[in-house]
């Protein structure tokens, strides 16, 4: 969303190395309530965009799926499941220390991203949690296959099972009440 884009551009201008910023251009709704706090140096930290930060289950998402995760969280609340949603606006360099601190309190963590299984957010979370007494990690990604859907973003998300409904079903199936 716009808040993440502004923070990402500010960070990129502070760095002397190449930076890749993915810019959404289909008018997806924002998920932040105001500007992101920007560290003086280093990567952007994760941002809690839904929930209170004290639930047993959390979704960590990046990019366009964040809004779908917020909607999934809202529908799960109506079913008695309180889920926190974290936006991870920067993957490279990855803010390992701050993400790990955010992960530690949870029993179950879902990663949601429009990415193949290798090299994205889910891989980074697996690396962080490897060998640690850690929460259960459930990955929701685009799978290791070619996707041929063309059209609106909602159609593309449906083709890779990343609508708010499919995310909510995955969380509900895995999360104890």
C-alpha atoms as a PDB file:
ATOM      1  CA  UNK A   1       0.000   0.000   0.000  1.00  0.00           C
ATOM      2  CA  UNK A   2       0.994   3.645  -0.102  1.00  0.00           C
ATOM      3  CA  UNK A   3       2.505   3.701   3.395  1.00  0.00           C
ATOM      4  CA  UNK A   4       4.786   0.745   2.578  1.00  0.00           C
ATOM      5  CA  UNK A   5       5.736   2.277  -0.769  1.00  0.00           C
ATOM      6  CA  UNK A   6       6.719   5.595   0.853  1.00  0.00           C
ATOM      7  CA  UNK A   7       8.770   3.847   3.546  1.00  0.00           C
ATOM      8  CA  UNK A   8      10.419   1.578   0.958  1.00  0.00           C
ATOM      9  CA  UNK A   9      11.412   4.494  -1.243  1.00  0.00           C
ATOM     10  CA  UNK A  10      12.824   6.388   1.751  1.00  0.00           C
ATOM     11  CA  UNK A  11      14.901   3.315   2.712  1.00  0.00           C
ATOM     12  CA  UNK A  12      16.088   2.780  -0.865  1.00  0.00           C
ATOM     13  CA  UNK A  13      17.306   6.376  -1.085  1.00  0.00           C
ATOM     14  CA  UNK A  14      19.353   5.902   2.115  1.00  0.00           C
ATOM     15  CA  UNK A  15      21.147   2.838   0.745  1.00  0.00           C
ATOM     16  CA  UNK A  16      24.139   2.768  -1.552  1.00  0.00           C
ATOM     17  CA  UNK A  17      23.216  -0.608  -3.041  1.00  0.00           C
ATOM     18  CA  UNK A  18      20.618  -1.606  -5.624  1.00  0.00           C
ATOM     19  CA  UNK A  19      17.079  -1.963  -4.310  1.00  0.00           C
ATOM     20  CA  UNK A  20      14.064  -3.782  -5.730  1.00  0.00           C
ATOM     21  CA  UNK A  21      10.632  -2.446  -4.819  1.00  0.00           C
ATOM     22  CA  UNK A  22       7.442  -4.133  -5.951  1.00  0.00           C
ATOM     23  CA  UNK A  23       4.765  -1.558  -6.620  1.00  0.00           C
ATOM     24  CA  UNK A  24       1.122  -2.579  -6.722  1.00  0.00           C
ATOM     25  CA  UNK A  25      -0.763  -0.746  -9.401  1.00  0.00           C
ATOM     26  CA  UNK A  26      -4.289  -2.093  -9.317  1.00  0.00           C
ATOM     27  CA  UNK A  27      -5.612   0.147  -6.563  1.00  0.00           C
ATOM     28  CA  UNK A  28      -5.740  -2.418  -3.768  1.00  0.00           C
ATOM     29  CA  UNK A  29      -6.922  -0.926  -0.465  1.00  0.00           C
ATOM     30  CA  UNK A  30      -4.335   0.182   2.050  1.00  0.00           C
ATOM     31  CA  UNK A  31      -3.748  -1.781   5.247  1.00  0.00           C
ATOM     32  CA  UNK A  32      -1.829   0.764   7.314  1.00  0.00           C
ATOM     33  CA  UNK A  33      -3.446   3.457   9.426  1.00  0.00           C
ATOM     34  CA  UNK A  34      -0.675   5.966   8.827  1.00  0.00           C
ATOM     35  CA  UNK A  35       2.969   6.260   7.859  1.00  0.00           C
ATOM     36  CA  UNK A  36       5.319   3.433   8.836  1.00  0.00           C
ATOM     37  CA  UNK A  37       8.027   4.130  11.379  1.00  0.00           C
ATOM     38  CA  UNK A  38      11.302   3.999   9.510  1.00  0.00           C
ATOM     39  CA  UNK A  39      14.524   2.759  11.087  1.00  0.00           C
ATOM     40  CA  UNK A  40      17.551   5.020  10.725  1.00  0.00           C
ATOM     41  CA  UNK A  41      19.322   2.228   8.873  1.00  0.00           C
ATOM     42  CA  UNK A  42      18.654  -1.339   7.897  1.00  0.00           C
ATOM     43  CA  UNK A  43      15.532  -2.979   6.532  1.00  0.00           C
ATOM     44  CA  UNK A  44      11.937  -2.061   7.269  1.00  0.00           C
ATOM     45  CA  UNK A  45      10.484  -3.954  10.210  1.00  0.00           C
ATOM     46  CA  UNK A  46       7.266  -6.003  10.179  1.00  0.00           C
ATOM     47  CA  UNK A  47       4.086  -4.083  10.996  1.00  0.00           C
ATOM     48  CA  UNK A  48       1.075  -5.426  12.903  1.00  0.00           C
ATOM     49  CA  UNK A  49      -1.857  -4.487  10.654  1.00  0.00           C
ATOM     50  CA  UNK A  50      -4.659  -6.475  12.298  1.00  0.00           C
ATOM     51  CA  UNK A  51      -5.132  -7.933  15.763  1.00  0.00           C
ATOM     52  CA  UNK A  52      -3.639  -7.061  19.100  1.00  0.00           C
ATOM     53  CA  UNK A  53      -0.279  -8.853  19.012  1.00  0.00           C
ATOM     54  CA  UNK A  54      -1.200 -11.249  21.829  1.00  0.00           C
ATOM     55  CA  UNK A  55      -3.077 -14.001  20.007  1.00  0.00           C
ATOM     56  CA  UNK A  56      -1.816 -17.597  19.635  1.00  0.00           C
ATOM     57  CA  UNK A  57      -1.946 -17.544  15.832  1.00  0.00           C
ATOM     58  CA  UNK A  58      -0.566 -15.058  13.327  1.00  0.00           C
ATOM     59  CA  UNK A  59      -0.348 -14.563   9.600  1.00  0.00           C
ATOM     60  CA  UNK A  60       2.820 -13.028   8.187  1.00  0.00           C
ATOM     61  CA  UNK A  61       2.278 -11.761   4.643  1.00  0.00           C
ATOM     62  CA  UNK A  62       3.996  -9.625   2.079  1.00  0.00           C
ATOM     63  CA  UNK A  63       2.746  -7.618  -0.859  1.00  0.00           C
ATOM     64  CA  UNK A  64      -0.742  -7.702  -2.293  1.00  0.00           C
ATOM     65  CA  UNK A  65      -2.010 -10.673  -0.201  1.00  0.00           C
ATOM     66  CA  UNK A  66      -1.775  -8.632   3.013  1.00  0.00           C
ATOM     67  CA  UNK A  67      -5.206  -7.102   2.411  1.00  0.00           C
ATOM     68  CA  UNK A  68      -6.718 -10.564   1.792  1.00  0.00           C
ATOM     69  CA  UNK A  69      -5.174 -11.734   5.068  1.00  0.00           C
ATOM     70  CA  UNK A  70      -6.737  -8.824   6.953  1.00  0.00           C
ATOM     71  CA  UNK A  71     -10.145  -9.719   5.489  1.00  0.00           C
ATOM     72  CA  UNK A  72      -9.577 -13.389   6.418  1.00  0.00           C
ATOM     73  CA  UNK A  73      -8.717 -12.362   9.971  1.00  0.00           C
ATOM     74  CA  UNK A  74     -11.913 -10.316  10.225  1.00  0.00           C
ATOM     75  CA  UNK A  75     -14.058 -13.248   9.066  1.00  0.00           C
ATOM     76  CA  UNK A  76     -12.272 -15.616  11.480  1.00  0.00           C
ATOM     77  CA  UNK A  77     -12.978 -13.242  14.374  1.00  0.00           C
ATOM     78  CA  UNK A  78     -16.697 -13.757  13.711  1.00  0.00           C
ATOM     79  CA  UNK A  79     -16.064 -17.509  14.148  1.00  0.00           C
ATOM     80  CA  UNK A  80     -14.292 -17.002  17.480  1.00  0.00           C
ATOM     81  CA  UNK A  81     -10.702 -17.222  16.157  1.00  0.00           C
ATOM     82  CA  UNK A  82      -8.565 -14.182  16.880  1.00  0.00           C
ATOM     83  CA  UNK A  83      -5.651 -13.953  14.461  1.00  0.00           C
ATOM     84  CA  UNK A  84      -2.926 -11.322  14.239  1.00  0.00           C
ATOM     85  CA  UNK A  85      -1.791 -10.201  10.785  1.00  0.00           C
ATOM     86  CA  UNK A  86       1.714  -8.872  10.193  1.00  0.00           C
ATOM     87  CA  UNK A  87       2.868  -7.162   7.015  1.00  0.00           C
ATOM     88  CA  UNK A  88       6.499  -7.800   6.104  1.00  0.00           C
ATOM     89  CA  UNK A  89       7.241  -5.003   3.637  1.00  0.00           C
ATOM     90  CA  UNK A  90      10.874  -5.881   2.941  1.00  0.00           C
ATOM     91  CA  UNK A  91      12.370  -9.264   2.048  1.00  0.00           C
ATOM     92  CA  UNK A  92      15.856  -8.300   0.915  1.00  0.00           C
ATOM     93  CA  UNK A  93      17.696  -7.498   3.054  1.00  0.00           C
ATOM     94  CA  UNK A  94      15.463  -9.436   5.400  1.00  0.00           C
ATOM     95  CA  UNK A  95      14.887  -7.941   8.885  1.00  0.00           C
ATOM     96  CA  UNK A  96      15.675 -11.275  10.594  1.00  0.00           C
ATOM     97  CA  UNK A  97      16.023 -10.048  14.167  1.00  0.00           C
ATOM     98  CA  UNK A  98      12.821  -8.021  14.242  1.00  0.00           C
ATOM     99  CA  UNK A  99      10.815 -10.720  12.422  1.00  0.00           C
ATOM    100  CA  UNK A 100      12.045 -13.383  14.843  1.00  0.00           C
ATOM    101  CA  UNK A 101      11.008 -11.239  17.805  1.00  0.00           C
ATOM    102  CA  UNK A 102       7.547 -10.924  16.258  1.00  0.00           C
ATOM    103  CA  UNK A 103       7.322 -14.707  15.653  1.00  0.00           C
ATOM    104  CA  UNK A 104       8.314 -15.876  19.139  1.00  0.00           C
ATOM    105  CA  UNK A 105       4.993 -15.486  21.008  1.00  0.00           C
ATOM    106  CA  UNK A 106       2.918 -17.519  18.547  1.00  0.00           C
ATOM    107  CA  UNK A 107       1.974 -21.198  18.551  1.00  0.00           C
ATOM    108  CA  UNK A 108       1.047 -21.236  14.848  1.00  0.00           C
ATOM    109  CA  UNK A 109       2.261 -18.933  12.084  1.00  0.00           C
ATOM    110  CA  UNK A 110       1.044 -18.779   8.501  1.00  0.00           C
ATOM    111  CA  UNK A 111       3.108 -17.228   5.735  1.00  0.00           C
ATOM    112  CA  UNK A 112       1.148 -15.897   2.768  1.00  0.00           C
ATOM    113  CA  UNK A 113       2.780 -14.630  -0.410  1.00  0.00           C
ATOM    114  CA  UNK A 114       2.392 -14.563  -4.176  1.00  0.00           C
ATOM    115  CA  UNK A 115       5.660 -16.409  -4.660  1.00  0.00           C
ATOM    116  CA  UNK A 116       6.983 -19.851  -5.450  1.00  0.00           C
ATOM    117  CA  UNK A 117       8.022 -21.940  -2.422  1.00  0.00           C
ATOM    118  CA  UNK A 118      11.731 -21.114  -2.686  1.00  0.00           C
ATOM    119  CA  UNK A 119      13.289 -17.742  -1.953  1.00  0.00           C
ATOM    120  CA  UNK A 120      10.403 -15.723  -0.561  1.00  0.00           C
ATOM    121  CA  UNK A 121       8.881 -14.943   2.805  1.00  0.00           C
ATOM    122  CA  UNK A 122       8.075 -18.575   3.658  1.00  0.00           C
ATOM    123  CA  UNK A 123      11.689 -19.616   3.023  1.00  0.00           C
ATOM    124  CA  UNK A 124      12.948 -16.775   5.196  1.00  0.00           C
ATOM    125  CA  UNK A 125      10.620 -17.779   8.048  1.00  0.00           C
ATOM    126  CA  UNK A 126      11.671 -21.444   7.758  1.00  0.00           C
ATOM    127  CA  UNK A 127      15.316 -20.392   7.935  1.00  0.00           C
ATOM    128  CA  UNK A 128      14.659 -18.248  11.016  1.00  0.00           C
ATOM    129  CA  UNK A 129      12.722 -20.974  12.828  1.00  0.00           C
ATOM    130  CA  UNK A 130      15.003 -23.861  11.902  1.00  0.00           C
ATOM    131  CA  UNK A 131      16.425 -25.596  14.950  1.00  0.00           C
ATOM    132  CA  UNK A 132      14.513 -23.451  17.422  1.00  0.00           C
ATOM    133  CA  UNK A 133      11.631 -24.223  19.730  1.00  0.00           C
ATOM    134  CA  UNK A 134       9.341 -22.523  17.327  1.00  0.00           C
ATOM    135  CA  UNK A 135       5.764 -22.086  16.291  1.00  0.00           C
ATOM    136  CA  UNK A 136       4.265 -24.383  13.707  1.00  0.00           C
ATOM    137  CA  UNK A 137       4.776 -22.762  10.296  1.00  0.00           C
ATOM    138  CA  UNK A 138       2.139 -23.258   7.594  1.00  0.00           C
ATOM    139  CA  UNK A 139       2.989 -21.838   4.180  1.00  0.00           C
ATOM    140  CA  UNK A 140       0.449 -20.524   1.686  1.00  0.00           C
ATOM    141  CA  UNK A 141       2.295 -19.663  -1.509  1.00  0.00           C
ATOM    142  CA  UNK A 142       1.857 -19.870  -5.264  1.00  0.00           C
ATOM    143  CA  UNK A 143       3.211 -23.407  -5.464  1.00  0.00           C
ATOM    144  CA  UNK A 144       6.014 -24.713  -7.639  1.00  0.00           C
ATOM    145  CA  UNK A 145       4.262 -24.428 -10.991  1.00  0.00           C
ATOM    146  CA  UNK A 146       3.533 -22.003 -13.796  1.00  0.00           C
ATOM    147  CA  UNK A 147       0.388 -19.928 -13.462  1.00  0.00           C
ATOM    148  CA  UNK A 148      -1.426 -18.905 -16.599  1.00  0.00           C
ATOM    149  CA  UNK A 149      -4.219 -16.764 -15.192  1.00  0.00           C
ATOM    150  CA  UNK A 150      -4.682 -13.400 -16.861  1.00  0.00           C
ATOM    151  CA  UNK A 151      -7.079 -10.746 -15.689  1.00  0.00           C
ATOM    152  CA  UNK A 152      -7.872  -8.865 -12.532  1.00  0.00           C
ATOM    153  CA  UNK A 153      -5.776  -9.373  -9.372  1.00  0.00           C
ATOM    154  CA  UNK A 154      -8.751 -11.079  -7.701  1.00  0.00           C
ATOM    155  CA  UNK A 155      -8.780 -13.701 -10.469  1.00  0.00           C
ATOM    156  CA  UNK A 156      -5.046 -14.280 -10.132  1.00  0.00           C
ATOM    157  CA  UNK A 157      -5.352 -14.671  -6.341  1.00  0.00           C
ATOM    158  CA  UNK A 158      -8.202 -17.129  -6.795  1.00  0.00           C
ATOM    159  CA  UNK A 159      -6.071 -19.211  -9.167  1.00  0.00           C
ATOM    160  CA  UNK A 160      -3.381 -19.613  -6.491  1.00  0.00           C
ATOM    161  CA  UNK A 161      -5.865 -20.057  -3.620  1.00  0.00           C
ATOM    162  CA  UNK A 162      -5.081 -16.719  -1.938  1.00  0.00           C
ATOM    163  CA  UNK A 163      -8.477 -15.130  -1.493  1.00  0.00           C
ATOM    164  CA  UNK A 164      -9.629 -14.121   1.966  1.00  0.00           C
ATOM    165  CA  UNK A 165     -11.970 -17.139   1.928  1.00  0.00           C
ATOM    166  CA  UNK A 166      -9.278 -19.702   1.063  1.00  0.00           C
ATOM    167  CA  UNK A 167      -6.849 -18.193   3.561  1.00  0.00           C
ATOM    168  CA  UNK A 168      -9.522 -18.254   6.286  1.00  0.00           C
ATOM    169  CA  UNK A 169     -10.311 -21.914   5.511  1.00  0.00           C
ATOM    170  CA  UNK A 170      -6.616 -22.867   5.751  1.00  0.00           C
ATOM    171  CA  UNK A 171      -6.243 -21.053   9.075  1.00  0.00           C
ATOM    172  CA  UNK A 172      -9.461 -22.507  10.451  1.00  0.00           C
ATOM    173  CA  UNK A 173      -8.443 -26.066   9.456  1.00  0.00           C
ATOM    174  CA  UNK A 174      -5.074 -25.759  11.206  1.00  0.00           C
ATOM    175  CA  UNK A 175      -5.823 -23.628  14.247  1.00  0.00           C
ATOM    176  CA  UNK A 176      -7.068 -25.265  17.465  1.00  0.00           C
ATOM    177  CA  UNK A 177      -9.972 -23.551  19.159  1.00  0.00           C
END
